[in-house]
PDB file of N, CA and C in Angstrom:
ATOM      1  N   MET A   1       0.848  -1.177   0.000  1.00  0.00           N
ATOM      2  CA  MET A   1       0.000   0.000   0.000  1.00  0.00           C
ATOM      3  C   MET A   1       0.894   1.240   0.000  1.00  0.00           C
ATOM      4  N   LYS A   2       0.640   2.130  -0.972  1.00  0.00           N
ATOM      5  CA  LYS A   2       1.410   3.357  -1.069  1.00  0.00           C
ATOM      6  C   LYS A   2       0.931   4.360  -0.035  1.00  0.00           C
ATOM      7  N   LYS A   3       1.878   4.994   0.602  1.00  0.00           N
ATOM      8  CA  LYS A   3       1.541   6.043   1.563  1.00  0.00           C
ATOM      9  C   LYS A   3       1.491   7.375   0.825  1.00  0.00           C
ATOM     10  N   GLN A   4       0.375   8.073   0.960  1.00  0.00           N
ATOM     11  CA  GLN A   4       0.249   9.373   0.329  1.00  0.00           C
ATOM     12  C   GLN A   4       0.908  10.425   1.200  1.00  0.00           C
ATOM     13  N   ILE A   5       1.664  11.260   0.559  1.00  0.00           N
ATOM     14  CA  ILE A   5       2.319  12.358   1.261  1.00  0.00           C
ATOM     15  C   ILE A   5       1.511  13.618   0.994  1.00  0.00           C
ATOM     16  N   GLU A   6       1.088  14.254   2.051  1.00  0.00           N
ATOM     17  CA  GLU A   6       0.363  15.518   1.890  1.00  0.00           C
ATOM     18  C   GLU A   6       1.380  16.638   1.801  1.00  0.00           C
ATOM     19  N   ARG A   7       1.341  17.334   0.695  1.00  0.00           N
ATOM     20  CA  ARG A   7       2.270  18.424   0.474  1.00  0.00           C
ATOM     21  C   ARG A   7       1.495  19.729   0.432  1.00  0.00           C
ATOM     22  N   THR A   8       1.802  20.600   1.317  1.00  0.00           N
ATOM     23  CA  THR A   8       1.168  21.914   1.282  1.00  0.00           C
ATOM     24  C   THR A   8       2.217  23.005   1.154  1.00  0.00           C
ATOM     25  N   GLU A   9       3.394  22.751   1.608  1.00  0.00           N
ATOM     26  CA  GLU A   9       4.445  23.750   1.535  1.00  0.00           C
ATOM     27  C   GLU A   9       5.109  23.690   0.164  1.00  0.00           C
ATOM     28  N   GLY A  10       5.397  24.843  -0.408  1.00  0.00           N
ATOM     29  CA  GLY A  10       6.040  24.883  -1.704  1.00  0.00           C
ATOM     30  C   GLY A  10       5.078  24.780  -2.875  1.00  0.00           C
ATOM     31  N   PHE A  11       3.780  24.910  -2.618  1.00  0.00           N
ATOM     32  CA  PHE A  11       2.766  24.850  -3.662  1.00  0.00           C
ATOM     33  C   PHE A  11       1.845  26.064  -3.527  1.00  0.00           C
ATOM     34  N   PHE A  12       1.178  26.396  -4.613  1.00  0.00           N
ATOM     35  CA  PHE A  12       0.151  27.432  -4.572  1.00  0.00           C
ATOM     36  C   PHE A  12      -0.982  26.994  -5.483  1.00  0.00           C
ATOM     37  N   LYS A  13      -2.131  27.603  -5.316  1.00  0.00           N
ATOM     38  CA  LYS A  13      -3.319  27.216  -6.083  1.00  0.00           C
ATOM     39  C   LYS A  13      -3.675  28.282  -7.109  1.00  0.00           C
ATOM     40  N   LEU A  14      -4.053  27.794  -8.270  1.00  0.00           N
ATOM     41  CA  LEU A  14      -4.663  28.637  -9.288  1.00  0.00           C
ATOM     42  C   LEU A  14      -6.047  28.059  -9.566  1.00  0.00           C
ATOM     43  N   PRO A  15      -7.041  28.912  -9.767  1.00  0.00           N
ATOM     44  CA  PRO A  15      -8.373  28.375 -10.062  1.00  0.00           C
ATOM     45  C   PRO A  15      -8.409  27.761 -11.463  1.00  0.00           C
ATOM     46  N   ASN A  16      -9.217  26.748 -11.648  1.00  0.00           N
ATOM     47  CA  ASN A  16      -9.335  26.091 -12.945  1.00  0.00           C
ATOM     48  C   ASN A  16      -9.787  27.050 -14.041  1.00  0.00           C
ATOM     49  N   ASP A  17     -10.579  28.063 -13.671  1.00  0.00           N
ATOM     50  CA  ASP A  17     -11.072  29.010 -14.669  1.00  0.00           C
ATOM     51  C   ASP A  17      -9.963  29.829 -15.324  1.00  0.00           C
ATOM     52  N   VAL A  18      -8.759  29.768 -14.800  1.00  0.00           N
ATOM     53  CA  VAL A  18      -7.654  30.514 -15.408  1.00  0.00           C
ATOM     54  C   VAL A  18      -7.437  30.053 -16.855  1.00  0.00           C
ATOM     55  N   PHE A  19      -7.849  28.841 -17.165  1.00  0.00           N
ATOM     56  CA  PHE A  19      -7.682  28.332 -18.520  1.00  0.00           C
ATOM     57  C   PHE A  19      -8.796  28.784 -19.463  1.00  0.00           C
ATOM     58  N   ARG A  20      -9.836  29.387 -18.908  1.00  0.00           N
ATOM     59  CA  ARG A  20     -10.937  29.899 -19.731  1.00  0.00           C
ATOM     60  C   ARG A  20     -10.655  31.302 -20.236  1.00  0.00           C
ATOM     61  N   ILE A  21      -9.775  32.002 -19.593  1.00  0.00           N
ATOM     62  CA  ILE A  21      -9.394  33.348 -20.006  1.00  0.00           C
ATOM     63  C   ILE A  21      -8.146  33.219 -20.866  1.00  0.00           C
ATOM     64  N   LYS A  22      -8.183  33.796 -22.030  1.00  0.00           N
ATOM     65  CA  LYS A  22      -7.028  33.677 -22.914  1.00  0.00           C
ATOM     66  C   LYS A  22      -5.909  34.596 -22.432  1.00  0.00           C
ATOM     67  N   LEU A  23      -4.866  33.990 -21.931  1.00  0.00           N
ATOM     68  CA  LEU A  23      -3.636  34.699 -21.583  1.00  0.00           C
ATOM     69  C   LEU A  23      -2.517  34.063 -22.393  1.00  0.00           C
ATOM     70  N   ASP A  24      -1.640  34.884 -22.953  1.00  0.00           N
ATOM     71  CA  ASP A  24      -0.514  34.271 -23.639  1.00  0.00           C
ATOM     72  C   ASP A  24       0.409  33.645 -22.590  1.00  0.00           C
ATOM     73  N   PRO A  25       1.325  32.790 -22.989  1.00  0.00           N
ATOM     74  CA  PRO A  25       2.167  32.086 -22.009  1.00  0.00           C
ATOM     75  C   PRO A  25       2.938  33.012 -21.071  1.00  0.00           C
ATOM     76  N   TYR A  26       3.365  34.172 -21.563  1.00  0.00           N
ATOM     77  CA  TYR A  26       4.112  35.090 -20.708  1.00  0.00           C
ATOM     78  C   TYR A  26       3.217  35.738 -19.656  1.00  0.00           C
ATOM     79  N   ALA A  27       2.024  36.170 -20.063  1.00  0.00           N
ATOM     80  CA  ALA A  27       1.083  36.768 -19.106  1.00  0.00           C
ATOM     81  C   ALA A  27       0.668  35.732 -18.065  1.00  0.00           C
ATOM     82  N   PHE A  28       0.431  34.509 -18.522  1.00  0.00           N
ATOM     83  CA  PHE A  28       0.065  33.435 -17.600  1.00  0.00           C
ATOM     84  C   PHE A  28       1.180  33.204 -16.583  1.00  0.00           C
ATOM     85  N   LYS A  29       2.411  33.163 -17.067  1.00  0.00           N
ATOM     86  CA  LYS A  29       3.559  32.913 -16.188  1.00  0.00           C
ATOM     87  C   LYS A  29       3.716  34.041 -15.156  1.00  0.00           C
ATOM     88  N   VAL A  30       3.587  35.275 -15.599  1.00  0.00           N
ATOM     89  CA  VAL A  30       3.703  36.427 -14.685  1.00  0.00           C
ATOM     90  C   VAL A  30       2.570  36.391 -13.662  1.00  0.00           C
ATOM     91  N   TYR A  31       1.345  36.108 -14.126  1.00  0.00           N
ATOM     92  CA  TYR A  31       0.204  36.035 -13.205  1.00  0.00           C
ATOM     93  C   TYR A  31       0.416  34.937 -12.169  1.00  0.00           C
ATOM     94  N   ALA A  32       0.818  33.754 -12.629  1.00  0.00           N
ATOM     95  CA  ALA A  32       1.046  32.634 -11.707  1.00  0.00           C
ATOM     96  C   ALA A  32       2.143  32.972 -10.710  1.00  0.00           C
ATOM     97  N   TYR A  33       3.183  33.648 -11.153  1.00  0.00           N
ATOM     98  CA  TYR A  33       4.270  34.042 -10.256  1.00  0.00           C
ATOM     99  C   TYR A  33       3.760  34.987  -9.170  1.00  0.00           C
ATOM    100  N   LEU A  34       2.964  35.978  -9.576  1.00  0.00           N
ATOM    101  CA  LEU A  34       2.426  36.924  -8.593  1.00  0.00           C
ATOM    102  C   LEU A  34       1.501  36.222  -7.606  1.00  0.00           C
ATOM    103  N   VAL A  35       0.686  35.289  -8.090  1.00  0.00           N
ATOM    104  CA  VAL A  35      -0.194  34.526  -7.198  1.00  0.00           C
ATOM    105  C   VAL A  35       0.647  33.759  -6.186  1.00  0.00           C
ATOM    106  N   SER A  36       1.724  33.138  -6.652  1.00  0.00           N
ATOM    107  CA  SER A  36       2.564  32.354  -5.737  1.00  0.00           C
ATOM    108  C   SER A  36       3.265  33.245  -4.720  1.00  0.00           C
ATOM    109  N   CYS A  37       3.690  34.430  -5.136  1.00  0.00           N
ATOM    110  CA  CYS A  37       4.357  35.357  -4.208  1.00  0.00           C
ATOM    111  C   CYS A  37       3.366  35.982  -3.230  1.00  0.00           C
ATOM    112  N   ALA A  38       2.159  36.253  -3.709  1.00  0.00           N
ATOM    113  CA  ALA A  38       1.170  36.967  -2.903  1.00  0.00           C
ATOM    114  C   ALA A  38       0.606  36.114  -1.775  1.00  0.00           C
ATOM    115  N   GLY A  39       0.529  34.819  -1.992  1.00  0.00           N
ATOM    116  CA  GLY A  39       0.005  33.944  -0.951  1.00  0.00           C
ATOM    117  C   GLY A  39      -1.401  34.319  -0.537  1.00  0.00           C
ATOM    118  N   SER A  40      -1.753  34.004   0.698  1.00  0.00           N
ATOM    119  CA  SER A  40      -3.123  34.225   1.174  1.00  0.00           C
ATOM    120  C   SER A  40      -3.438  35.699   1.405  1.00  0.00           C
ATOM    121  N   LYS A  41      -2.411  36.542   1.529  1.00  0.00           N
ATOM    122  CA  LYS A  41      -2.653  37.971   1.760  1.00  0.00           C
ATOM    123  C   LYS A  41      -2.998  38.718   0.479  1.00  0.00           C
ATOM    124  N   GLY A  42      -2.661  38.128  -0.671  1.00  0.00           N
ATOM    125  CA  GLY A  42      -3.016  38.740  -1.941  1.00  0.00           C
ATOM    126  C   GLY A  42      -2.174  39.929  -2.336  1.00  0.00           C
ATOM    127  N   GLU A  43      -0.991  40.076  -1.748  1.00  0.00           N
ATOM    128  CA  GLU A  43      -0.134  41.191  -2.122  1.00  0.00           C
ATOM    129  C   GLU A  43       1.329  40.786  -2.044  1.00  0.00           C
ATOM    130  N   CYS A  44       2.134  41.424  -2.902  1.00  0.00           N
ATOM    131  CA  CYS A  44       3.564  41.114  -2.921  1.00  0.00           C
ATOM    132  C   CYS A  44       4.333  42.283  -3.530  1.00  0.00           C
ATOM    133  N   TRP A  45       5.664  42.206  -3.438  1.00  0.00           N
ATOM    134  CA  TRP A  45       6.520  43.303  -3.878  1.00  0.00           C
ATOM    135  C   TRP A  45       7.725  42.828  -4.687  1.00  0.00           C
ATOM    136  N   PRO A  46       7.609  41.868  -5.587  1.00  0.00           N
ATOM    137  CA  PRO A  46       8.801  41.445  -6.325  1.00  0.00           C
ATOM    138  C   PRO A  46       9.246  42.532  -7.311  1.00  0.00           C
ATOM    139  N   SER A  47      10.534  42.631  -7.531  1.00  0.00           N
ATOM    140  CA  SER A  47      11.045  43.608  -8.487  1.00  0.00           C
ATOM    141  C   SER A  47      10.954  43.055  -9.902  1.00  0.00           C
ATOM    142  N   ILE A  48      10.984  43.940 -10.878  1.00  0.00           N
ATOM    143  CA  ILE A  48      10.975  43.525 -12.286  1.00  0.00           C
ATOM    144  C   ILE A  48      12.198  42.648 -12.585  1.00  0.00           C
ATOM    145  N   PRO A  49      13.415  43.043 -12.152  1.00  0.00           N
ATOM    146  CA  PRO A  49      14.569  42.177 -12.413  1.00  0.00           C
ATOM    147  C   PRO A  49      14.443  40.794 -11.779  1.00  0.00           C
ATOM    148  N   THR A  50      13.871  40.720 -10.578  1.00  0.00           N
ATOM    149  CA  THR A  50      13.683  39.422  -9.928  1.00  0.00           C
ATOM    150  C   THR A  50      12.709  38.566 -10.726  1.00  0.00           C
ATOM    151  N   MET A  51      11.587  39.151 -11.142  1.00  0.00           N
ATOM    152  CA  MET A  51      10.616  38.395 -11.929  1.00  0.00           C
ATOM    153  C   MET A  51      11.235  37.934 -13.241  1.00  0.00           C
ATOM    154  N   SER A  52      11.973  38.823 -13.882  1.00  0.00           N
ATOM    155  CA  SER A  52      12.623  38.488 -15.148  1.00  0.00           C
ATOM    156  C   SER A  52      13.563  37.303 -14.981  1.00  0.00           C
ATOM    157  N   GLU A  53      14.370  37.346 -13.945  1.00  0.00           N
ATOM    158  CA  GLU A  53      15.330  36.272 -13.691  1.00  0.00           C
ATOM    159  C   GLU A  53      14.626  34.965 -13.321  1.00  0.00           C
ATOM    160  N   GLN A  54      13.680  35.033 -12.398  1.00  0.00           N
ATOM    161  CA  GLN A  54      12.976  33.836 -11.936  1.00  0.00           C
ATOM    162  C   GLN A  54      12.164  33.156 -13.049  1.00  0.00           C
ATOM    163  N   LEU A  55      11.580  33.967 -13.930  1.00  0.00           N
ATOM    164  CA  LEU A  55      10.694  33.440 -14.957  1.00  0.00           C
ATOM    165  C   LEU A  55      11.384  33.190 -16.292  1.00  0.00           C
ATOM    166  N   GLY A  56      12.615  33.689 -16.444  1.00  0.00           N
ATOM    167  CA  GLY A  56      13.315  33.530 -17.716  1.00  0.00           C
ATOM    168  C   GLY A  56      12.677  34.329 -18.833  1.00  0.00           C
ATOM    169  N   ILE A  57      12.175  35.512 -18.477  1.00  0.00           N
ATOM    170  CA  ILE A  57      11.492  36.397 -19.426  1.00  0.00           C
ATOM    171  C   ILE A  57      12.199  37.750 -19.393  1.00  0.00           C
ATOM    172  N   ALA A  58      12.326  38.390 -20.546  1.00  0.00           N
ATOM    173  CA  ALA A  58      12.947  39.714 -20.622  1.00  0.00           C
ATOM    174  C   ALA A  58      12.188  40.722 -19.747  1.00  0.00           C
ATOM    175  N   LYS A  59      12.902  41.679 -19.182  1.00  0.00           N
ATOM    176  CA  LYS A  59      12.283  42.697 -18.314  1.00  0.00           C
ATOM    177  C   LYS A  59      11.161  43.441 -19.040  1.00  0.00           C
ATOM    178  N   ALA A  60      11.393  43.784 -20.308  1.00  0.00           N
ATOM    179  CA  ALA A  60      10.365  44.510 -21.069  1.00  0.00           C
ATOM    180  C   ALA A  60       9.092  43.660 -21.230  1.00  0.00           C
ATOM    181  N   THR A  61       9.264  42.363 -21.398  1.00  0.00           N
ATOM    182  CA  THR A  61       8.112  41.469 -21.524  1.00  0.00           C
ATOM    183  C   THR A  61       7.367  41.382 -20.204  1.00  0.00           C
ATOM    184  N   VAL A  62       8.101  41.287 -19.100  1.00  0.00           N
ATOM    185  CA  VAL A  62       7.470  41.271 -17.773  1.00  0.00           C
ATOM    186  C   VAL A  62       6.648  42.547 -17.593  1.00  0.00           C
ATOM    187  N   GLN A  63       7.237  43.687 -17.923  1.00  0.00           N
ATOM    188  CA  GLN A  63       6.543  44.966 -17.755  1.00  0.00           C
ATOM    189  C   GLN A  63       5.282  45.047 -18.615  1.00  0.00           C
ATOM    190  N   SER A  64       5.374  44.594 -19.864  1.00  0.00           N
ATOM    191  CA  SER A  64       4.199  44.678 -20.741  1.00  0.00           C
ATOM    192  C   SER A  64       3.086  43.743 -20.269  1.00  0.00           C
ATOM    193  N   ARG A  65       3.449  42.574 -19.748  1.00  0.00           N
ATOM    194  CA  ARG A  65       2.425  41.644 -19.270  1.00  0.00           C
ATOM    195  C   ARG A  65       1.820  42.107 -17.949  1.00  0.00           C
ATOM    196  N   LEU A  66       2.606  42.762 -17.119  1.00  0.00           N
ATOM    197  CA  LEU A  66       2.052  43.354 -15.894  1.00  0.00           C
ATOM    198  C   LEU A  66       1.014  44.411 -16.254  1.00  0.00           C
ATOM    199  N   LYS A  67       1.330  45.219 -17.233  1.00  0.00           N
ATOM    200  CA  LYS A  67       0.395  46.260 -17.684  1.00  0.00           C
ATOM    201  C   LYS A  67      -0.890  45.616 -18.203  1.00  0.00           C
ATOM    202  N   GLU A  68      -0.749  44.552 -18.992  1.00  0.00           N
ATOM    203  CA  GLU A  68      -1.920  43.836 -19.517  1.00  0.00           C
ATOM    204  C   GLU A  68      -2.763  43.255 -18.384  1.00  0.00           C
ATOM    205  N   LEU A  69      -2.114  42.624 -17.418  1.00  0.00           N
ATOM    206  CA  LEU A  69      -2.834  42.017 -16.293  1.00  0.00           C
ATOM    207  C   LEU A  69      -3.570  43.082 -15.485  1.00  0.00           C
ATOM    208  N   GLU A  70      -2.947  44.242 -15.338  1.00  0.00           N
ATOM    209  CA  GLU A  70      -3.609  45.333 -14.619  1.00  0.00           C
ATOM    210  C   GLU A  70      -4.798  45.859 -15.419  1.00  0.00           C
ATOM    211  N   GLU A  71      -4.625  46.066 -16.719  1.00  0.00           N
ATOM    212  CA  GLU A  71      -5.701  46.574 -17.559  1.00  0.00           C
ATOM    213  C   GLU A  71      -6.897  45.612 -17.591  1.00  0.00           C
ATOM    214  N   ARG A  72      -6.621  44.325 -17.498  1.00  0.00           N
ATOM    215  CA  ARG A  72      -7.685  43.322 -17.551  1.00  0.00           C
ATOM    216  C   ARG A  72      -8.274  43.021 -16.174  1.00  0.00           C
ATOM    217  N   GLY A  73      -7.766  43.669 -15.123  1.00  0.00           N
ATOM    218  CA  GLY A  73      -8.360  43.564 -13.804  1.00  0.00           C
ATOM    219  C   GLY A  73      -7.872  42.413 -12.945  1.00  0.00           C
ATOM    220  N   PHE A  74      -6.809  41.738 -13.356  1.00  0.00           N
ATOM    221  CA  PHE A  74      -6.283  40.637 -12.560  1.00  0.00           C
ATOM    222  C   PHE A  74      -5.481  41.130 -11.360  1.00  0.00           C
ATOM    223  N   ILE A  75      -4.816  42.276 -11.535  1.00  0.00           N
ATOM    224  CA  ILE A  75      -3.958  42.824 -10.478  1.00  0.00           C
ATOM    225  C   ILE A  75      -4.112  44.339 -10.424  1.00  0.00           C
ATOM    226  N   GLU A  76      -3.666  44.898  -9.319  1.00  0.00           N
ATOM    227  CA  GLU A  76      -3.480  46.348  -9.198  1.00  0.00           C
ATOM    228  C   GLU A  76      -2.005  46.570  -8.942  1.00  0.00           C
ATOM    229  N   ILE A  77      -1.473  47.629  -9.513  1.00  0.00           N
ATOM    230  CA  ILE A  77      -0.064  47.965  -9.310  1.00  0.00           C
ATOM    231  C   ILE A  77       0.001  49.330  -8.649  1.00  0.00           C
ATOM    232  N   GLU A  78       0.637  49.380  -7.494  1.00  0.00           N
ATOM    233  CA  GLU A  78       0.870  50.653  -6.814  1.00  0.00           C
ATOM    234  C   GLU A  78       2.360  50.956  -6.896  1.00  0.00           C
ATOM    235  N   ASN A  79       2.678  52.065  -7.535  1.00  0.00           N
ATOM    236  CA  ASN A  79       4.077  52.478  -7.636  1.00  0.00           C
ATOM    237  C   ASN A  79       4.490  53.119  -6.325  1.00  0.00           C
ATOM    238  N   LYS A  80       5.628  52.720  -5.831  1.00  0.00           N
ATOM    239  CA  LYS A  80       6.100  53.228  -4.549  1.00  0.00           C
ATOM    240  C   LYS A  80       7.398  54.014  -4.728  1.00  0.00           C
ATOM    241  N   SER A  81       7.453  55.167  -4.123  1.00  0.00           N
ATOM    242  CA  SER A  81       8.679  55.953  -4.091  1.00  0.00           C
ATOM    243  C   SER A  81       8.722  56.670  -2.750  1.00  0.00           C
ATOM    244  N   GLY A  82       9.878  57.111  -2.411  1.00  0.00           N
ATOM    245  CA  GLY A  82      10.046  57.789  -1.137  1.00  0.00           C
ATOM    246  C   GLY A  82      11.489  58.205  -0.963  1.00  0.00           C
ATOM    247  N   LEU A  83      11.909  58.306   0.276  1.00  0.00           N
ATOM    248  CA  LEU A  83      13.282  58.712   0.562  1.00  0.00           C
ATOM    249  C   LEU A  83      14.060  57.541   1.139  1.00  0.00           C
ATOM    250  N   SER A  84      15.301  57.424   0.730  1.00  0.00           N
ATOM    251  CA  SER A  84      16.165  56.384   1.280  1.00  0.00           C
ATOM    252  C   SER A  84      16.620  56.818   2.677  1.00  0.00           C
ATOM    253  N   LYS A  85      17.376  55.964   3.342  1.00  0.00           N
ATOM    254  CA  LYS A  85      17.850  56.272   4.695  1.00  0.00           C
ATOM    255  C   LYS A  85      18.683  57.543   4.748  1.00  0.00           C
ATOM    256  N   ASN A  86      19.382  57.831   3.644  1.00  0.00           N
ATOM    257  CA  ASN A  86      20.199  59.044   3.629  1.00  0.00           C
ATOM    258  C   ASN A  86      19.439  60.262   3.111  1.00  0.00           C
ATOM    259  N   GLY A  87      18.122  60.135   2.920  1.00  0.00           N
ATOM    260  CA  GLY A  87      17.287  61.270   2.550  1.00  0.00           C
ATOM    261  C   GLY A  87      17.172  61.530   1.063  1.00  0.00           C
ATOM    262  N   LYS A  88      17.788  60.702   0.227  1.00  0.00           N
ATOM    263  CA  LYS A  88      17.716  60.894  -1.221  1.00  0.00           C
ATOM    264  C   LYS A  88      16.463  60.208  -1.780  1.00  0.00           C
ATOM    265  N   PRO A  89      15.863  60.781  -2.843  1.00  0.00           N
ATOM    266  CA  PRO A  89      14.685  60.157  -3.459  1.00  0.00           C
ATOM    267  C   PRO A  89      15.027  58.757  -3.975  1.00  0.00           C
ATOM    268  N   ARG A  90      14.092  57.854  -3.808  1.00  0.00           N
ATOM    269  CA  ARG A  90      14.323  56.465  -4.213  1.00  0.00           C
ATOM    270  C   ARG A  90      13.004  55.854  -4.672  1.00  0.00           C
ATOM    271  N   THR A  91      13.094  55.000  -5.678  1.00  0.00           N
ATOM    272  CA  THR A  91      11.936  54.243  -6.137  1.00  0.00           C
ATOM    273  C   THR A  91      12.022  52.855  -5.533  1.00  0.00           C
ATOM    274  N   PHE A  92      10.952  52.429  -4.895  1.00  0.00           N
ATOM    275  CA  PHE A  92      10.900  51.107  -4.289  1.00  0.00           C
ATOM    276  C   PHE A  92      10.203  50.136  -5.247  1.00  0.00           C
ATOM    277  N   ASN A  93      10.249  48.856  -4.935  1.00  0.00           N
ATOM    278  CA  ASN A  93       9.542  47.867  -5.740  1.00  0.00           C
ATOM    279  C   ASN A  93       8.055  48.205  -5.770  1.00  0.00           C
ATOM    280  N   ASN A  94       7.418  47.893  -6.887  1.00  0.00           N
ATOM    281  CA  ASN A  94       5.972  48.071  -6.986  1.00  0.00           C
ATOM    282  C   ASN A  94       5.273  47.169  -5.976  1.00  0.00           C
ATOM    283  N   HIS A  95       4.124  47.611  -5.550  1.00  0.00           N
ATOM    284  CA  HIS A  95       3.255  46.819  -4.671  1.00  0.00           C
ATOM    285  C   HIS A  95       2.185  46.230  -5.575  1.00  0.00           C
ATOM    286  N   TYR A  96       2.105  44.898  -5.628  1.00  0.00           N
ATOM    287  CA  TYR A  96       1.136  44.211  -6.472  1.00  0.00           C
ATOM    288  C   TYR A  96       0.030  43.636  -5.601  1.00  0.00           C
ATOM    289  N   ILE A  97      -1.196  43.955  -5.963  1.00  0.00           N
ATOM    290  CA  ILE A  97      -2.362  43.400  -5.293  1.00  0.00           C
ATOM    291  C   ILE A  97      -3.015  42.454  -6.288  1.00  0.00           C
ATOM    292  N   VAL A  98      -3.059  41.177  -5.925  1.00  0.00           N
ATOM    293  CA  VAL A  98      -3.627  40.158  -6.800  1.00  0.00           C
ATOM    294  C   VAL A  98      -5.084  39.961  -6.393  1.00  0.00           C
ATOM    295  N   HIS A  99      -5.986  40.223  -7.331  1.00  0.00           N
ATOM    296  CA  HIS A  99      -7.418  40.098  -7.049  1.00  0.00           C
ATOM    297  C   HIS A  99      -7.822  38.635  -7.006  1.00  0.00           C
ATOM    298  N   ASP A 100      -8.876  38.357  -6.244  1.00  0.00           N
ATOM    299  CA  ASP A 100      -9.470  37.030  -6.298  1.00  0.00           C
ATOM    300  C   ASP A 100      -9.845  36.786  -7.749  1.00  0.00           C
ATOM    301  N   PHE A 101      -9.631  35.593  -8.208  1.00  0.00           N
ATOM    302  CA  PHE A 101      -9.798  35.315  -9.636  1.00  0.00           C
ATOM    303  C   PHE A 101     -11.208  35.559 -10.132  1.00  0.00           C
ATOM    304  N   ASP A 102     -12.205  35.278  -9.323  1.00  0.00           N
ATOM    305  CA  ASP A 102     -13.571  35.473  -9.797  1.00  0.00           C
ATOM    306  C   ASP A 102     -13.889  36.937 -10.052  1.00  0.00           C
ATOM    307  N   VAL A 103     -13.119  37.853  -9.476  1.00  0.00           N
ATOM    308  CA  VAL A 103     -13.345  39.270  -9.740  1.00  0.00           C
ATOM    309  C   VAL A 103     -13.007  39.604 -11.189  1.00  0.00           C
ATOM    310  N   PRO A 104     -11.779  39.324 -11.686  1.00  0.00           N
ATOM    311  CA  PRO A 104     -11.520  39.685 -13.082  1.00  0.00           C
ATOM    312  C   PRO A 104     -12.346  38.865 -14.070  1.00  0.00           C
ATOM    313  N   PHE A 105     -12.569  37.584 -13.783  1.00  0.00           N
ATOM    314  CA  PHE A 105     -13.339  36.761 -14.704  1.00  0.00           C
ATOM    315  C   PHE A 105     -14.771  37.279 -14.782  1.00  0.00           C
ATOM    316  N   GLY A 106     -15.368  37.528 -13.639  1.00  0.00           N
ATOM    317  CA  GLY A 106     -16.720  38.072 -13.605  1.00  0.00           C
ATOM    318  C   GLY A 106     -16.793  39.443 -14.238  1.00  0.00           C
ATOM    319  N   ALA A 107     -15.787  40.258 -13.985  1.00  0.00           N
ATOM    320  CA  ALA A 107     -15.757  41.604 -14.565  1.00  0.00           C
ATOM    321  C   ALA A 107     -15.646  41.517 -16.080  1.00  0.00           C
ATOM    322  N   ALA A 108     -14.840  40.589 -16.573  1.00  0.00           N
ATOM    323  CA  ALA A 108     -14.681  40.435 -18.016  1.00  0.00           C
ATOM    324  C   ALA A 108     -15.999  40.012 -18.653  1.00  0.00           C
ATOM    325  N   ILE A 109     -16.695  39.105 -18.028  1.00  0.00           N
ATOM    326  CA  ILE A 109     -17.984  38.652 -18.563  1.00  0.00           C
ATOM    327  C   ILE A 109     -18.998  39.788 -18.534  1.00  0.00           C
ATOM    328  N   ASN A 110     -19.086  40.503 -17.411  1.00  0.00           N
ATOM    329  CA  ASN A 110     -20.051  41.600 -17.303  1.00  0.00           C
ATOM    330  C   ASN A 110     -19.727  42.731 -18.266  1.00  0.00           C
ATOM    331  N   ARG A 111     -18.445  43.026 -18.413  1.00  0.00           N
ATOM    332  CA  ARG A 111     -18.013  44.114 -19.279  1.00  0.00           C
ATOM    333  C   ARG A 111     -18.337  43.811 -20.740  1.00  0.00           C
ATOM    334  N   HIS A 112     -18.322  42.532 -21.096  1.00  0.00           N
ATOM    335  CA  HIS A 112     -18.507  42.145 -22.486  1.00  0.00           C
ATOM    336  C   HIS A 112     -19.763  41.294 -22.685  1.00  0.00           C
ATOM    337  N   LYS A 113     -20.717  41.415 -21.774  1.00  0.00           N
ATOM    338  CA  LYS A 113     -21.908  40.549 -21.807  1.00  0.00           C
ATOM    339  C   LYS A 113     -22.614  40.590 -23.161  1.00  0.00           C
ATOM    340  N   ALA A 114     -22.826  41.768 -23.681  1.00  0.00           N
ATOM    341  CA  ALA A 114     -23.558  41.878 -24.939  1.00  0.00           C
ATOM    342  C   ALA A 114     -22.606  42.092 -26.118  1.00  0.00           C
ATOM    343  N   ASP A 115     -21.353  41.806 -25.908  1.00  0.00           N
ATOM    344  CA  ASP A 115     -20.339  42.106 -26.901  1.00  0.00           C
ATOM    345  C   ASP A 115     -19.745  40.822 -27.462  1.00  0.00           C
ATOM    346  N   GLU A 116     -19.505  40.785 -28.735  1.00  0.00           N
ATOM    347  CA  GLU A 116     -18.922  39.609 -29.372  1.00  0.00           C
ATOM    348  C   GLU A 116     -17.473  39.390 -28.948  1.00  0.00           C
ATOM    349  N   THR A 117     -16.813  40.417 -28.385  1.00  0.00           N
ATOM    350  CA  THR A 117     -15.414  40.261 -27.998  1.00  0.00           C
ATOM    351  C   THR A 117     -15.253  39.317 -26.818  1.00  0.00           C
ATOM    352  N   LEU A 118     -16.361  38.913 -26.177  1.00  0.00           N
ATOM    353  CA  LEU A 118     -16.263  37.925 -25.100  1.00  0.00           C
ATOM    354  C   LEU A 118     -15.590  36.663 -25.612  1.00  0.00           C
ATOM    355  N   LYS A 119     -15.822  36.328 -26.857  1.00  0.00           N
ATOM    356  CA  LYS A 119     -15.210  35.138 -27.441  1.00  0.00           C
ATOM    357  C   LYS A 119     -13.691  35.249 -27.435  1.00  0.00           C
ATOM    358  N   GLU A 120     -13.159  36.474 -27.518  1.00  0.00           N
ATOM    359  CA  GLU A 120     -11.717  36.676 -27.481  1.00  0.00           C
ATOM    360  C   GLU A 120     -11.155  36.447 -26.084  1.00  0.00           C
ATOM    361  N   LEU A 121     -11.976  36.608 -25.060  1.00  0.00           N
ATOM    362  CA  LEU A 121     -11.505  36.500 -23.687  1.00  0.00           C
ATOM    363  C   LEU A 121     -11.611  35.094 -23.112  1.00  0.00           C
ATOM    364  N   THR A 122     -12.501  34.302 -23.671  1.00  0.00           N
ATOM    365  CA  THR A 122     -12.754  32.991 -23.069  1.00  0.00           C
ATOM    366  C   THR A 122     -12.752  31.887 -24.105  1.00  0.00           C
ATOM    367  N   ASP A 123     -12.551  30.679 -23.652  1.00  0.00           N
ATOM    368  CA  ASP A 123     -12.630  29.492 -24.488  1.00  0.00           C
ATOM    369  C   ASP A 123     -13.855  28.702 -24.070  1.00  0.00           C
ATOM    370  N   PHE A 124     -14.921  28.849 -24.777  1.00  0.00           N
ATOM    371  CA  PHE A 124     -16.121  28.106 -24.458  1.00  0.00           C
ATOM    372  C   PHE A 124     -16.370  26.980 -25.451  1.00  0.00           C
ATOM    373  N   ASP A 125     -15.429  26.720 -26.331  1.00  0.00           N
ATOM    374  CA  ASP A 125     -15.595  25.679 -27.353  1.00  0.00           C
ATOM    375  C   ASP A 125     -15.813  24.330 -26.759  1.00  0.00           C
TER     376      ASP A 125
END
């Protein structure tokens, strides 16, 4: 008899509906990374260079997919700046708020309810 090992550490969950929304592989990878970093609190602060390195994606691609994810309602991006310890202006890592998945999916459906472009957002085949 095989003993099942329950693994909870080192894993994160994505909802099955993520496959119904058309995301290109890079946007999907960036979204999944943010979900894994955000954990149960739904927020994280990874830098663009860190995401680029961890995901094996160019920084410009990471930035463009973050913009897409924000425009489509999957995440919110808060730009942070302030003063460093020595009083000089400094830009800090962005603060990413990852929305519950049903929010962007529901918003996409409601936004395009009477619109043919809904077919572009989902795979109902």
